[in-house]
Amino acid sequence: MRSGISMRYEIDHDNEIATLYFGYRDDYVLTLGRENLDKLVDLGAAARREFAARPTG
């Protein structure tokens, strides 16, 4: 995903669901419960660590 892509989220506190929206017209929508959101964050953190371990350029 290129930089500058629109991203936002909504939280349903009653059902413990997060909905993540990506794209200018909400082209991609991801709905996750609390546990799977935690797993997604962990997965993203692992990807960032791998990027950091290899210099760019």
C-alpha atoms as a PDB file:
ATOM      1  CA  MET A   1       0.000   0.000   0.000  1.00  0.00           C
ATOM      2  CA  ARG A   2       1.497   3.325  -0.969  1.00  0.00           C
ATOM      3  CA  SER A   3       1.795   6.128   1.539  1.00  0.00           C
ATOM      4  CA  GLY A   4      -1.076   8.541   1.750  1.00  0.00           C
ATOM      5  CA  ILE A   5      -3.787   5.891   1.540  1.00  0.00           C
ATOM      6  CA  SER A   6      -6.789   6.757   3.652  1.00  0.00           C
ATOM      7  CA  MET A   7      -7.194   4.595   6.759  1.00  0.00           C
ATOM      8  CA  ARG A   8      -9.668   4.771   9.601  1.00  0.00           C
ATOM      9  CA  TYR A   9     -11.354   2.557  12.167  1.00  0.00           C
ATOM     10  CA  GLU A  10     -14.583   2.193  14.086  1.00  0.00           C
ATOM     11  CA  ILE A  11     -15.060   0.390  17.389  1.00  0.00           C
ATOM     12  CA  ASP A  12     -18.162  -1.500  18.479  1.00  0.00           C
ATOM     13  CA  HIS A  13     -17.589  -1.569  22.232  1.00  0.00           C
ATOM     14  CA  ASP A  14     -20.662  -3.673  22.990  1.00  0.00           C
ATOM     15  CA  ASN A  15     -19.526  -6.534  20.730  1.00  0.00           C
ATOM     16  CA  GLU A  16     -15.757  -5.914  21.086  1.00  0.00           C
ATOM     17  CA  ILE A  17     -15.297  -5.575  17.331  1.00  0.00           C
ATOM     18  CA  ALA A  18     -12.954  -3.248  15.464  1.00  0.00           C
ATOM     19  CA  THR A  19     -13.630  -2.422  11.831  1.00  0.00           C
ATOM     20  CA  LEU A  20     -10.644  -1.142   9.855  1.00  0.00           C
ATOM     21  CA  TYR A  21     -11.200   0.741   6.594  1.00  0.00           C
ATOM     22  CA  PHE A  22      -8.543   1.243   3.910  1.00  0.00           C
ATOM     23  CA  GLY A  23      -8.704   3.220   0.677  1.00  0.00           C
ATOM     24  CA  TYR A  24     -10.279   6.450  -0.437  1.00  0.00           C
ATOM     25  CA  ARG A  25     -13.709   4.870  -0.727  1.00  0.00           C
ATOM     26  CA  ASP A  26     -13.247   2.211   1.936  1.00  0.00           C
ATOM     27  CA  ASP A  27     -12.057  -0.181  -0.779  1.00  0.00           C
ATOM     28  CA  TYR A  28     -10.956  -2.731   1.812  1.00  0.00           C
ATOM     29  CA  VAL A  29     -12.721  -3.418   5.092  1.00  0.00           C
ATOM     30  CA  LEU A  30     -11.466  -5.726   7.827  1.00  0.00           C
ATOM     31  CA  THR A  31     -13.639  -6.572  10.826  1.00  0.00           C
ATOM     32  CA  LEU A  32     -11.903  -8.221  13.774  1.00  0.00           C
ATOM     33  CA  GLY A  33     -12.700  -9.196  17.315  1.00  0.00           C
ATOM     34  CA  ARG A  34     -10.379  -8.105  20.102  1.00  0.00           C
ATOM     35  CA  GLU A  35      -8.318 -11.328  20.087  1.00  0.00           C
ATOM     36  CA  ASN A  36      -7.755 -11.339  16.321  1.00  0.00           C
ATOM     37  CA  LEU A  37      -6.964  -7.620  16.366  1.00  0.00           C
ATOM     38  CA  ASP A  38      -4.207  -8.376  18.889  1.00  0.00           C
ATOM     39  CA  LYS A  39      -2.873 -11.084  16.554  1.00  0.00           C
ATOM     40  CA  LEU A  40      -2.927  -8.690  13.596  1.00  0.00           C
ATOM     41  CA  VAL A  41      -0.996  -6.077  15.578  1.00  0.00           C
ATOM     42  CA  ASP A  42       1.580  -8.726  16.571  1.00  0.00           C
ATOM     43  CA  LEU A  43       1.898  -9.826  12.940  1.00  0.00           C
ATOM     44  CA  GLY A  44       2.414  -6.230  11.814  1.00  0.00           C
ATOM     45  CA  ALA A  45       5.039  -5.698  14.516  1.00  0.00           C
ATOM     46  CA  ALA A  46       6.911  -8.793  13.309  1.00  0.00           C
ATOM     47  CA  ALA A  47       6.878  -7.451   9.745  1.00  0.00           C
ATOM     48  CA  ARG A  48       8.227  -4.091  10.950  1.00  0.00           C
ATOM     49  CA  ARG A  49      11.043  -5.833  12.831  1.00  0.00           C
ATOM     50  CA  GLU A  50      11.977  -7.731   9.676  1.00  0.00           C
ATOM     51  CA  PHE A  51      12.018  -4.505   7.658  1.00  0.00           C
ATOM     52  CA  ALA A  52      14.179  -2.857  10.328  1.00  0.00           C
ATOM     53  CA  ALA A  53      16.651  -5.743  10.260  1.00  0.00           C
ATOM     54  CA  ARG A  54      17.390  -5.168   6.572  1.00  0.00           C
ATOM     55  CA  PRO A  55      18.655  -1.743   5.514  1.00  0.00           C
ATOM     56  CA  THR A  56      16.880  -0.023   2.630  1.00  0.00           C
ATOM     57  CA  GLY A  57      18.587   1.256  -0.452  1.00  0.00           C
END
